[in-house]
Amino acid sequence: MELKNKIEGIIKAAASNPGTEIKYREPLVGFASADDPIFDEMKEIIGPYNLHPKEIFPEAKTVISFFLPFEEKLVKLNSSSQDPVKEWIQAKGETDRLITEINEILKIELEKEGISAVVPEIVFDYKSRGFDVVWSHKSAAYAAGLGTFGVHHMLITKAGCAGRFGTLLVSAKIPPTPRPKEEFCCYKKREKCLVCVNSCPAAALSVKGLDKKKCFRLLQENAKAFPKLNQLACGKCVTGPCALKSC
């Protein structure tokens, strides 16, 4: 419990004073056993290219997942326009850098206690690999009990889905976080909502699934609007009722 509290404390402290233009609500932190059968199931569902935690780090005993939820002001700003919003796109880059910093702090602090840690790398190379990535932070967060997937294919947590996820694999055993038994998606819970589907400017979403090619084309167009930011982002589908809380 002491180690768990230390990890949560480091993440929450970093998010409360992030050194970024945007601000965050209180982070969520979850834990999954690296031996959880769900990681084998993911390999079957997602594809053989999706790596098991122990394929990345053989000594891994625990998968740490954390979610940095964006402040409400940023969500409202993005929902107020159908056009790409600079602040939202900027938030993606800033938050990814903050997640890298948090993982580095965690690695240093854990090393002091003789615990090794590895950050799973995501290499998105559409030209040569398409949409196949070796690790999904959202899937890891699901395994670690942080939420359930919505119609928009985003993971909805108790703090919503507007934010970014990070993952760290560690050699220490930490008690796993129970996975939710209820749905956090409004539509999956009571077949009402679909704000995400109606908000998608690329018309890439439906209750049947996500057209990744349509979504990616829009992200590329958004990147052209703010080339200096060099980020692929949109976020219109995560500005509905599930943006800031679960349903």
Protein backbone atom coordinates (compact mmCIF):
# COMPACT_ATOMS: atom_id res chain seq x y z
CA MET A 1 0.00 0.00 0.00
CA GLU A 2 2.89 2.36 0.77
CA LEU A 3 4.31 1.92 -2.74
CA LYS A 4 0.89 2.41 -4.32
CA ASN A 5 0.37 5.63 -2.36
CA LYS A 6 3.82 6.88 -3.32
CA ILE A 7 3.16 6.34 -7.03
CA GLU A 8 -0.23 8.03 -6.84
CA GLY A 9 1.28 10.94 -4.91
CA ILE A 10 3.99 11.55 -7.51
CA ILE A 11 1.48 11.56 -10.37
CA LYS A 12 -0.98 13.84 -8.60
CA ALA A 13 1.74 16.27 -7.53
CA ALA A 14 3.04 16.54 -11.09
CA ALA A 15 -0.45 17.20 -12.47
CA SER A 16 -1.20 19.87 -9.86
CA ASN A 17 1.84 21.90 -10.94
CA PRO A 18 2.39 20.77 -14.54
CA GLY A 19 4.31 23.68 -16.02
CA THR A 20 1.94 23.66 -19.00
CA GLU A 21 -0.51 26.24 -20.31
CA ILE A 22 -3.45 23.93 -19.76
CA LYS A 23 -4.49 22.66 -16.36
CA TYR A 24 -5.72 19.26 -15.21
CA ARG A 25 -8.29 17.86 -12.87
CA GLU A 26 -7.18 15.24 -10.33
CA PRO A 27 -5.49 12.28 -12.07
CA LEU A 28 -6.70 8.70 -11.83
CA VAL A 29 -4.26 5.83 -11.25
CA GLY A 30 -4.88 2.11 -11.73
CA PHE A 31 -2.87 -1.10 -11.49
CA ALA A 32 -3.03 -4.44 -13.30
CA SER A 33 -1.02 -7.62 -12.87
CA ALA A 34 1.32 -8.21 -15.80
CA ASP A 35 0.13 -11.83 -15.62
CA ASP A 36 -3.54 -10.90 -16.00
CA PRO A 37 -5.07 -13.12 -18.73
CA ILE A 38 -6.66 -10.02 -20.22
CA PHE A 39 -3.35 -9.16 -21.90
CA ASP A 40 -3.44 -12.49 -23.73
CA GLU A 41 -7.03 -11.77 -24.74
CA MET A 42 -6.00 -8.35 -26.08
CA LYS A 43 -3.38 -9.97 -28.23
CA GLU A 44 -6.10 -12.11 -29.79
CA ILE A 45 -8.62 -9.27 -30.16
CA ILE A 46 -6.31 -6.45 -31.28
CA GLY A 47 -3.81 -8.55 -33.21
CA PRO A 48 -0.53 -10.46 -32.82
CA TYR A 49 1.42 -7.21 -33.21
CA ASN A 50 -0.02 -6.01 -29.88
CA LEU A 51 2.68 -6.83 -27.34
CA HIS A 52 2.15 -8.52 -23.98
CA PRO A 53 3.68 -6.54 -21.07
CA LYS A 54 6.29 -9.27 -20.57
CA GLU A 55 7.28 -9.14 -24.22
CA ILE A 56 8.25 -5.52 -23.59
CA PHE A 57 9.71 -6.02 -20.11
CA PRO A 58 10.20 -9.67 -19.01
CA GLU A 59 10.59 -8.64 -15.36
CA ALA A 60 7.25 -6.82 -15.32
CA LYS A 61 4.92 -7.72 -12.47
CA THR A 62 2.59 -4.72 -12.56
CA VAL A 63 1.18 -2.42 -15.24
CA ILE A 64 0.64 1.10 -13.92
CA SER A 65 -1.86 3.22 -15.83
CA PHE A 66 -2.71 6.85 -15.17
CA PHE A 67 -5.13 9.35 -16.67
CA LEU A 68 -4.62 13.11 -16.76
CA PRO A 69 -8.08 14.64 -17.25
CA PHE A 70 -8.23 18.01 -18.99
CA GLU A 71 -9.78 20.99 -17.23
CA GLU A 72 -13.44 21.72 -18.00
CA LYS A 73 -12.60 25.03 -19.69
CA LEU A 74 -10.61 23.28 -22.42
CA VAL A 75 -13.41 20.78 -23.10
CA LYS A 76 -15.95 23.58 -23.47
CA LEU A 77 -13.62 25.48 -25.77
CA ASN A 78 -13.26 22.49 -28.08
CA SER A 79 -16.98 21.73 -28.07
CA SER A 80 -17.87 25.32 -28.99
CA SER A 81 -16.46 25.05 -32.53
CA GLN A 82 -16.58 22.56 -35.38
CA ASP A 83 -13.19 23.83 -36.51
CA PRO A 84 -9.91 22.55 -35.05
CA VAL A 85 -9.12 24.34 -31.79
CA LYS A 86 -5.51 25.35 -31.26
CA GLU A 87 -5.62 24.97 -27.49
CA TRP A 88 -6.89 21.40 -27.74
CA ILE A 89 -4.25 20.39 -30.25
CA GLN A 90 -1.59 22.11 -28.14
CA ALA A 91 -2.87 20.25 -25.07
CA LYS A 92 -2.13 16.91 -26.69
CA GLY A 93 1.54 17.75 -27.19
CA GLU A 94 1.92 19.37 -23.77
CA THR A 95 0.25 16.46 -22.00
CA ASP A 96 2.30 13.84 -23.79
CA ARG A 97 5.45 15.66 -22.70
CA LEU A 98 4.13 15.84 -19.12
CA ILE A 99 3.42 12.10 -19.17
CA THR A 100 7.02 11.49 -20.26
CA GLU A 101 8.25 13.66 -17.38
CA ILE A 102 6.02 11.83 -14.87
CA ASN A 103 7.32 8.46 -16.03
CA GLU A 104 10.90 9.65 -15.69
CA ILE A 105 10.26 10.84 -12.13
CA LEU A 106 8.58 7.53 -11.28
CA LYS A 107 11.49 5.54 -12.73
CA ILE A 108 14.01 7.51 -10.67
CA GLU A 109 12.03 7.23 -7.43
CA LEU A 110 11.30 3.53 -7.92
CA GLU A 111 14.93 2.80 -8.71
CA LYS A 112 15.81 4.12 -5.25
CA GLU A 113 13.80 1.21 -3.87
CA GLY A 114 15.40 -1.34 -6.18
CA ILE A 115 12.43 -1.43 -8.55
CA SER A 116 12.98 -1.41 -12.30
CA ALA A 117 10.54 0.29 -14.68
CA VAL A 118 10.03 0.47 -18.43
CA VAL A 119 7.80 2.76 -20.51
CA PRO A 120 6.06 0.93 -23.39
CA GLU A 121 6.91 2.70 -26.63
CA ILE A 122 4.21 3.44 -29.18
CA VAL A 123 5.52 3.77 -32.72
CA PHE A 124 2.81 5.07 -35.02
CA ASP A 125 4.06 4.75 -38.59
CA TYR A 126 1.00 4.86 -40.81
CA LYS A 127 2.92 4.64 -44.08
CA SER A 128 4.55 1.30 -43.27
CA ARG A 129 2.33 -0.18 -40.52
CA GLY A 130 -1.08 1.40 -40.99
CA PHE A 131 -2.91 1.66 -37.69
CA ASP A 132 -1.09 -1.26 -36.04
CA VAL A 133 0.64 -0.12 -32.84
CA VAL A 134 2.45 -2.41 -30.43
CA TRP A 135 0.91 -0.92 -27.28
CA SER A 136 -2.37 0.81 -26.44
CA HIS A 137 -2.44 3.09 -23.40
CA LYS A 138 -6.25 2.99 -23.47
CA SER A 139 -6.34 -0.81 -23.43
CA ALA A 140 -3.81 -0.86 -20.59
CA ALA A 141 -6.01 1.58 -18.67
CA TYR A 142 -8.99 -0.72 -19.20
CA ALA A 143 -6.97 -3.65 -17.84
CA ALA A 144 -6.01 -1.49 -14.84
CA GLY A 145 -9.63 -0.79 -13.97
CA LEU A 146 -9.78 2.85 -14.99
CA GLY A 147 -12.89 2.64 -17.15
CA THR A 148 -14.85 1.15 -20.03
CA PHE A 149 -14.84 1.84 -23.76
CA GLY A 150 -17.48 4.06 -25.33
CA VAL A 151 -19.04 4.07 -28.79
CA HIS A 152 -16.27 6.50 -29.79
CA HIS A 153 -13.62 3.86 -28.95
CA MET A 154 -12.26 6.10 -26.18
CA LEU A 155 -11.88 4.86 -22.63
CA ILE A 156 -14.37 6.56 -20.32
CA THR A 157 -13.20 6.88 -16.72
CA LYS A 158 -14.99 8.20 -13.65
CA ALA A 159 -13.41 11.54 -14.62
CA GLY A 160 -14.63 11.21 -18.21
CA CYS A 161 -12.61 10.67 -21.36
CA ALA A 162 -11.21 14.13 -22.14
CA GLY A 163 -7.54 13.71 -21.30
CA ARG A 164 -4.50 11.53 -21.93
CA PHE A 165 -3.27 8.18 -20.60
CA GLY A 166 0.21 7.04 -19.62
CA THR A 167 1.62 3.59 -18.83
CA LEU A 168 4.58 2.27 -16.87
CA LEU A 169 5.65 -1.37 -16.42
CA VAL A 170 7.34 -2.13 -13.10
CA SER A 171 9.13 -5.09 -11.52
CA ALA A 172 7.25 -4.74 -8.22
CA LYS A 173 3.98 -6.47 -7.42
CA ILE A 174 1.17 -4.02 -6.58
CA PRO A 175 -2.42 -5.13 -5.83
CA PRO A 176 -4.57 -4.75 -8.96
CA THR A 177 -7.43 -2.28 -9.25
CA PRO A 178 -10.82 -4.02 -9.75
CA ARG A 179 -12.33 -3.40 -13.17
CA PRO A 180 -15.74 -1.66 -13.27
CA LYS A 181 -18.76 -3.96 -13.47
CA GLU A 182 -20.95 -1.26 -15.00
CA GLU A 183 -20.78 0.57 -18.34
CA PHE A 184 -19.53 4.15 -18.26
CA CYS A 185 -20.82 4.93 -21.80
CA CYS A 186 -24.27 6.57 -21.84
CA TYR A 187 -25.35 4.79 -25.02
CA LYS A 188 -24.12 1.36 -23.93
CA LYS A 189 -25.76 1.88 -20.56
CA ARG A 190 -29.23 2.93 -21.73
CA GLU A 191 -29.10 3.32 -25.54
CA LYS A 192 -29.45 7.09 -25.35
CA CYS A 193 -26.89 9.74 -26.34
CA LEU A 194 -24.64 9.24 -29.43
CA VAL A 195 -23.36 12.80 -29.02
CA CYS A 196 -19.94 11.48 -30.03
CA VAL A 197 -21.32 10.12 -33.31
CA ASN A 198 -23.12 13.35 -34.13
CA SER A 199 -20.14 15.50 -33.13
CA CYS A 200 -17.59 13.76 -35.36
CA PRO A 201 -16.69 16.20 -38.17
CA ALA A 202 -15.27 13.36 -40.25
CA ALA A 203 -18.45 11.25 -40.03
CA ALA A 204 -16.10 8.45 -39.00
CA LEU A 205 -18.20 7.15 -36.09
CA SER A 206 -21.31 5.01 -35.90
CA VAL A 207 -22.70 2.52 -33.41
CA LYS A 208 -21.17 -0.16 -35.63
CA GLY A 209 -17.62 1.13 -35.29
CA LEU A 210 -14.94 3.66 -36.17
CA ASP A 211 -13.65 4.30 -39.67
CA LYS A 212 -10.00 4.92 -38.77
CA LYS A 213 -9.10 6.12 -42.27
CA LYS A 214 -11.72 8.89 -42.20
CA CYS A 215 -10.63 9.89 -38.71
CA PHE A 216 -6.96 9.96 -39.66
CA ARG A 217 -7.59 12.08 -42.76
CA LEU A 218 -9.28 14.69 -40.58
CA LEU A 219 -6.41 14.64 -38.09
CA GLN A 220 -4.00 15.31 -40.95
CA GLU A 221 -6.12 18.26 -42.08
CA ASN A 222 -6.22 19.63 -38.53
CA ALA A 223 -2.43 19.42 -38.34
CA LYS A 224 -2.19 21.70 -41.38
CA ALA A 225 -4.18 24.37 -39.54
CA PHE A 226 -1.46 24.68 -36.87
CA PRO A 227 1.73 23.30 -38.46
CA LYS A 228 4.02 24.64 -35.73
CA LEU A 229 2.33 22.40 -33.16
CA ASN A 230 3.10 19.27 -35.23
CA GLN A 231 0.27 17.29 -33.60
CA LEU A 232 -2.53 15.03 -34.82
CA ALA A 233 -5.59 15.87 -32.74
CA CYS A 234 -9.32 16.61 -32.93
CA GLY A 235 -11.24 15.58 -29.79
CA LYS A 236 -14.72 16.56 -30.98
CA CYS A 237 -16.00 13.09 -30.06
CA VAL A 238 -14.94 13.54 -26.42
CA THR A 239 -16.83 16.77 -25.71
CA GLY A 240 -20.21 15.20 -24.89
CA PRO A 241 -21.71 13.99 -21.58
CA CYS A 242 -18.85 11.53 -21.03
CA ALA A 243 -16.10 14.16 -21.43
CA LEU A 244 -15.87 15.06 -17.76
CA LYS A 245 -17.53 12.13 -15.97
CA SER A 246 -18.86 8.63 -16.50
CA CYS A 247 -22.52 8.17 -17.38
